Structures are given as C-alpha cells and as structure tokens.
Amino acid sequence: MILARDSKQLGNQIRRARRRLRWSQKQLGDKAGLRQETISLIEGGNPATRIENILLVLSALDLELQVAPRSKGWVADFGEDL
C-alpha cells in the first residue's frame, strides 16, 4: 500500500508507477484518454486536477484509490513508499 495525503504525494506516486512501467507521460495519457499536459499536471500535484482524471490515470496504471481513516503518524514517519 502507498500512502498519499496530498495532491503532490499522489502525483509522485503516479509518476513512480508510470516510470516502473517505463511509459512516457504521452503513453500514459494515451492509455488514460488524456493529454500529456494533463498527466504532467497530475504528476506535479496540481490541486485543481479533476478527480475523474486521476481515476482514469489510476485505472490505466492498474491501480485503485482506497480511502481509509487517517493514521496518527506523520507522512515522514512512513517513508516514501509503503
């Protein structure tokens, strides 16, 4: 499981997943039905990104969003990847 508590952390995790697959932003955009520029905004943590676009990207990466109660620790306590 990967913890992301803000748009920047979520964008970083999406970037890591894309790079693990060795896809360019354009390739991910093509698979998600979005423009490369939109992928760049998502990966950059743009807080104005539409949730629908994030869900399309997660689906293209074969990932899913899970909502859970917030843990008491700080993000730094968990490290970059869980």
C-alpha atoms as a PDB file:
ATOM      1  CA  MET A   1       0.000   0.000   0.000  1.00  0.00           C
ATOM      2  CA  ILE A   2       1.162   3.537  -0.755  1.00  0.00           C
ATOM      3  CA  LEU A   3       0.228   6.446   1.465  1.00  0.00           C
ATOM      4  CA  ALA A   4      -0.580   9.804  -0.111  1.00  0.00           C
ATOM      5  CA  ARG A   5      -2.084  12.614   1.923  1.00  0.00           C
ATOM      6  CA  ASP A   6      -1.994  15.441  -0.592  1.00  0.00           C
ATOM      7  CA  SER A   7      -2.004  16.029  -4.335  1.00  0.00           C
ATOM      8  CA  LYS A   8       1.801  16.339  -4.524  1.00  0.00           C
ATOM      9  CA  GLN A   9       2.340  12.956  -2.835  1.00  0.00           C
ATOM     10  CA  LEU A  10      -0.301  11.339  -5.052  1.00  0.00           C
ATOM     11  CA  GLY A  11       1.341  12.833  -8.137  1.00  0.00           C
ATOM     12  CA  ASN A  12       4.725  11.496  -7.061  1.00  0.00           C
ATOM     13  CA  GLN A  13       3.300   8.000  -6.615  1.00  0.00           C
ATOM     14  CA  ILE A  14       1.621   8.137 -10.018  1.00  0.00           C
ATOM     15  CA  ARG A  15       4.939   9.219 -11.574  1.00  0.00           C
ATOM     16  CA  ARG A  16       6.748   6.321  -9.880  1.00  0.00           C
ATOM     17  CA  ALA A  17       4.162   3.825 -11.102  1.00  0.00           C
ATOM     18  CA  ARG A  18       4.428   5.185 -14.664  1.00  0.00           C
ATOM     19  CA  ARG A  19       8.206   5.020 -14.604  1.00  0.00           C
ATOM     20  CA  ARG A  20       8.144   1.440 -13.268  1.00  0.00           C
ATOM     21  CA  LEU A  21       6.200   0.563 -16.421  1.00  0.00           C
ATOM     22  CA  ARG A  22       8.709   2.561 -18.497  1.00  0.00           C
ATOM     23  CA  TRP A  23       5.936   4.632 -20.026  1.00  0.00           C
ATOM     24  CA  SER A  24       6.269   8.237 -21.099  1.00  0.00           C
ATOM     25  CA  GLN A  25       3.698  10.766 -19.975  1.00  0.00           C
ATOM     26  CA  LYS A  26       2.305  10.673 -23.511  1.00  0.00           C
ATOM     27  CA  GLN A  27       1.923   6.889 -23.395  1.00  0.00           C
ATOM     28  CA  LEU A  28       0.094   7.099 -20.074  1.00  0.00           C
ATOM     29  CA  GLY A  29      -2.076   9.887 -21.427  1.00  0.00           C
ATOM     30  CA  ASP A  30      -2.964   7.799 -24.483  1.00  0.00           C
ATOM     31  CA  LYS A  31      -3.925   4.837 -22.293  1.00  0.00           C
ATOM     32  CA  ALA A  32      -5.991   7.045 -19.968  1.00  0.00           C
ATOM     33  CA  GLY A  33      -7.566   9.076 -22.781  1.00  0.00           C
ATOM     34  CA  LEU A  34      -5.935  12.287 -21.564  1.00  0.00           C
ATOM     35  CA  ARG A  35      -3.410  14.750 -22.941  1.00  0.00           C
ATOM     36  CA  GLN A  36       0.250  14.566 -21.933  1.00  0.00           C
ATOM     37  CA  GLU A  37      -0.137  18.016 -20.392  1.00  0.00           C
ATOM     38  CA  THR A  38      -2.822  16.684 -18.045  1.00  0.00           C
ATOM     39  CA  ILE A  39      -0.535  13.846 -16.942  1.00  0.00           C
ATOM     40  CA  SER A  40       2.163  16.407 -16.225  1.00  0.00           C
ATOM     41  CA  LEU A  41      -0.239  18.439 -14.070  1.00  0.00           C
ATOM     42  CA  ILE A  42      -1.337  15.350 -12.141  1.00  0.00           C
ATOM     43  CA  GLU A  43       2.236  14.212 -11.535  1.00  0.00           C
ATOM     44  CA  GLY A  44       3.150  17.737 -10.481  1.00  0.00           C
ATOM     45  CA  GLY A  45       0.483  17.640  -7.784  1.00  0.00           C
ATOM     46  CA  ASN A  46      -1.770  20.320  -9.259  1.00  0.00           C
ATOM     47  CA  PRO A  47      -4.550  20.631  -6.637  1.00  0.00           C
ATOM     48  CA  ALA A  48      -7.066  21.716  -9.294  1.00  0.00           C
ATOM     49  CA  THR A  49      -6.871  18.345 -11.085  1.00  0.00           C
ATOM     50  CA  ARG A  50     -10.273  16.729 -11.544  1.00  0.00           C
ATOM     51  CA  ILE A  51     -10.788  13.514  -9.578  1.00  0.00           C
ATOM     52  CA  GLU A  52     -12.205  11.899 -12.726  1.00  0.00           C
ATOM     53  CA  ASN A  53      -8.854  12.390 -14.469  1.00  0.00           C
ATOM     54  CA  ILE A  54      -6.946  10.952 -11.522  1.00  0.00           C
ATOM     55  CA  LEU A  55      -9.199   7.889 -11.563  1.00  0.00           C
ATOM     56  CA  LEU A  56      -8.611   7.438 -15.317  1.00  0.00           C
ATOM     57  CA  VAL A  57      -4.852   7.556 -14.748  1.00  0.00           C
ATOM     58  CA  LEU A  58      -5.004   5.121 -11.834  1.00  0.00           C
ATOM     59  CA  SER A  59      -7.067   2.724 -13.941  1.00  0.00           C
ATOM     60  CA  ALA A  60      -4.586   2.933 -16.833  1.00  0.00           C
ATOM     61  CA  LEU A  61      -1.808   2.087 -14.354  1.00  0.00           C
ATOM     62  CA  ASP A  62      -3.896  -0.804 -12.951  1.00  0.00           C
ATOM     63  CA  LEU A  63      -4.091   0.943  -9.576  1.00  0.00           C
ATOM     64  CA  GLU A  64      -7.059   1.859  -7.413  1.00  0.00           C
ATOM     65  CA  LEU A  65      -7.862   4.535  -4.885  1.00  0.00           C
ATOM     66  CA  GLN A  66      -8.670   3.413  -1.344  1.00  0.00           C
ATOM     67  CA  VAL A  67      -9.977   5.675   1.378  1.00  0.00           C
ATOM     68  CA  ALA A  68      -9.079   4.838   4.979  1.00  0.00           C
ATOM     69  CA  PRO A  69      -9.102   6.562   8.346  1.00  0.00           C
ATOM     70  CA  ARG A  70      -6.119   8.826   8.728  1.00  0.00           C
ATOM     71  CA  SER A  71      -3.319   7.329  10.796  1.00  0.00           C
ATOM     72  CA  LYS A  72      -1.826   9.290  13.673  1.00  0.00           C
ATOM     73  CA  GLY A  73       1.771   9.326  12.369  1.00  0.00           C
ATOM     74  CA  TRP A  74       3.250  11.939  10.074  1.00  0.00           C
ATOM     75  CA  VAL A  75       3.952  11.104   6.436  1.00  0.00           C
ATOM     76  CA  ALA A  76       7.704  11.399   7.113  1.00  0.00           C
ATOM     77  CA  ASP A  77       7.308   8.564   9.624  1.00  0.00           C
ATOM     78  CA  PHE A  78       6.124   6.253   6.861  1.00  0.00           C
ATOM     79  CA  GLY A  79       8.803   6.906   4.267  1.00  0.00           C
ATOM     80  CA  GLU A  80       8.287   7.433   0.546  1.00  0.00           C
ATOM     81  CA  ASP A  81       6.839   4.026  -0.353  1.00  0.00           C
ATOM     82  CA  LEU A  82       4.805   1.671   1.779  1.00  0.00           C
END
